[in-house]
């Protein structure tokens, strides 16, 4: 499975956003590791609300596949924080998005003034 799918899966978890999303990533080391985390590993996230932990237990990729299909139909580019084209300026903000969706001509945002 592509790394993109793991990023997208994590970005679509209910009850996770911002600081808690980053804490989960920091705890496990990356979205693929979060995806494969099971039972007691997820239970160890005591600071995370129960519904958010339950969302991490749902390993279905059906929603991700649906989003990717739709993006393909609409010619929407999808990138993650691991992609070279991901704007490094976004890494400087407190809660950078895990996934970006872009349509049309891509502008190198890091080169803009």
Protein backbone atom coordinates (compact mmCIF):
# COMPACT_ATOMS: atom_id res chain seq x y z
CA UNK A 1 0.00 0.00 0.00
CA UNK A 2 1.29 3.48 -0.81
CA UNK A 3 2.36 5.85 1.94
CA UNK A 4 -0.21 8.32 0.62
CA UNK A 5 -3.04 6.05 1.74
CA UNK A 6 -1.74 5.91 5.32
CA UNK A 7 -1.51 9.71 5.47
CA UNK A 8 -5.01 10.04 4.07
CA UNK A 9 -6.38 7.38 6.41
CA UNK A 10 -4.94 9.21 9.42
CA UNK A 11 -6.21 12.58 8.22
CA UNK A 12 -9.76 11.21 8.05
CA UNK A 13 -9.92 9.81 11.60
CA UNK A 14 -12.86 11.21 13.55
CA UNK A 15 -12.02 13.00 16.78
CA UNK A 16 -8.41 13.66 15.79
CA UNK A 17 -7.13 17.04 14.73
CA UNK A 18 -4.39 19.52 15.36
CA UNK A 19 -2.34 18.88 18.48
CA UNK A 20 -3.79 15.42 19.19
CA UNK A 21 -3.05 14.33 15.62
CA UNK A 22 0.55 15.48 15.95
CA UNK A 23 0.90 13.75 19.33
CA UNK A 24 -0.31 10.48 17.80
CA UNK A 25 2.19 10.86 14.95
CA UNK A 26 5.01 11.68 17.36
CA UNK A 27 4.10 8.71 19.56
CA UNK A 28 4.13 6.14 16.76
CA UNK A 29 6.65 7.74 14.40
CA UNK A 30 4.50 7.94 11.27
CA UNK A 31 1.09 7.26 9.77
CA UNK A 32 1.88 3.69 8.71
CA UNK A 33 2.88 2.81 12.26
CA UNK A 34 -0.34 4.40 13.54
CA UNK A 35 -2.34 2.33 11.06
CA UNK A 36 -0.79 -0.92 12.24
CA UNK A 37 -1.06 -0.06 15.95
CA UNK A 38 -3.38 -2.44 17.77
CA UNK A 39 -5.20 -2.86 21.09
CA UNK A 40 -2.84 -2.12 23.96
CA UNK A 41 -0.72 0.22 21.83
CA UNK A 42 -3.78 2.39 21.24
CA UNK A 43 -4.99 1.99 24.83
CA UNK A 44 -1.67 3.50 25.94
CA UNK A 45 -2.84 6.81 24.46
CA UNK A 46 -4.68 7.62 27.70
CA UNK A 47 -4.67 11.35 26.90
CA UNK A 48 -6.72 10.66 23.76
CA UNK A 49 -10.53 10.66 24.00
CA UNK A 50 -12.20 7.26 23.64
CA UNK A 51 -13.97 8.06 20.36
CA UNK A 52 -10.67 9.16 18.82
CA UNK A 53 -8.99 5.91 19.91
CA UNK A 54 -11.96 3.99 18.46
CA UNK A 55 -11.46 5.82 15.18
CA UNK A 56 -7.83 4.64 15.12
CA UNK A 57 -9.05 1.05 15.50
CA UNK A 58 -11.04 1.34 12.25
CA UNK A 59 -8.55 0.14 9.62
CA UNK A 60 -10.90 0.39 6.64
CA UNK A 61 -9.43 2.08 3.59
CA UNK A 62 -12.80 2.31 1.79
CA UNK A 63 -13.11 6.04 2.51
CA UNK A 64 -9.56 6.70 1.34
CA UNK A 65 -10.14 4.77 -1.88
CA UNK A 66 -13.32 6.76 -2.50
CA UNK A 67 -11.47 10.07 -1.99
CA UNK A 68 -8.63 8.99 -4.27
CA UNK A 69 -11.05 7.91 -6.98
CA UNK A 70 -12.84 11.25 -6.78
CA UNK A 71 -9.56 13.16 -6.87
CA UNK A 72 -8.54 11.19 -9.94
CA UNK A 73 -11.85 11.99 -11.66
CA UNK A 74 -11.50 15.70 -10.89
CA UNK A 75 -7.76 15.88 -11.65
CA UNK A 76 -6.93 16.88 -8.09
CA UNK A 77 -3.37 16.44 -6.91
CA UNK A 78 -2.86 14.96 -3.44
CA UNK A 79 0.31 15.43 -1.43
CA UNK A 80 1.47 14.77 2.09
CA UNK A 81 4.02 16.28 4.42
CA UNK A 82 6.53 13.72 3.09
CA UNK A 83 6.27 14.93 -0.51
CA UNK A 84 9.01 17.13 -1.91
CA UNK A 85 6.40 19.55 -3.31
CA UNK A 86 4.75 20.02 0.11
CA UNK A 87 5.29 23.67 1.06
CA UNK A 88 7.96 23.85 3.77
CA UNK A 89 6.39 27.10 4.95
CA UNK A 90 3.47 25.06 6.22
CA UNK A 91 5.82 23.06 8.43
CA UNK A 92 6.50 26.31 10.30
CA UNK A 93 2.90 26.68 11.48
CA UNK A 94 1.62 25.12 14.69
CA UNK A 95 -0.65 22.54 13.03
CA UNK A 96 0.37 21.86 9.43
CA UNK A 97 -2.13 19.81 7.42
CA UNK A 98 -1.21 16.17 6.90
CA UNK A 99 -2.63 16.13 3.38
CA UNK A 100 -3.05 18.86 0.78
CA UNK A 101 -5.37 18.75 -2.21
CA UNK A 102 -4.62 20.98 -5.19
CA UNK A 103 -6.27 21.61 -8.52
CA UNK A 104 -4.89 23.55 -11.44
CA UNK A 105 -1.44 24.98 -11.92
CA UNK A 106 0.84 24.28 -8.97
CA UNK A 107 2.57 27.31 -7.51
CA UNK A 108 5.80 26.75 -5.58
CA UNK A 109 4.62 28.45 -2.41
CA UNK A 110 8.04 28.38 -0.81
CA UNK A 111 9.34 30.55 -3.65
CA UNK A 112 6.57 33.16 -3.26
CA UNK A 113 7.25 36.35 -1.32
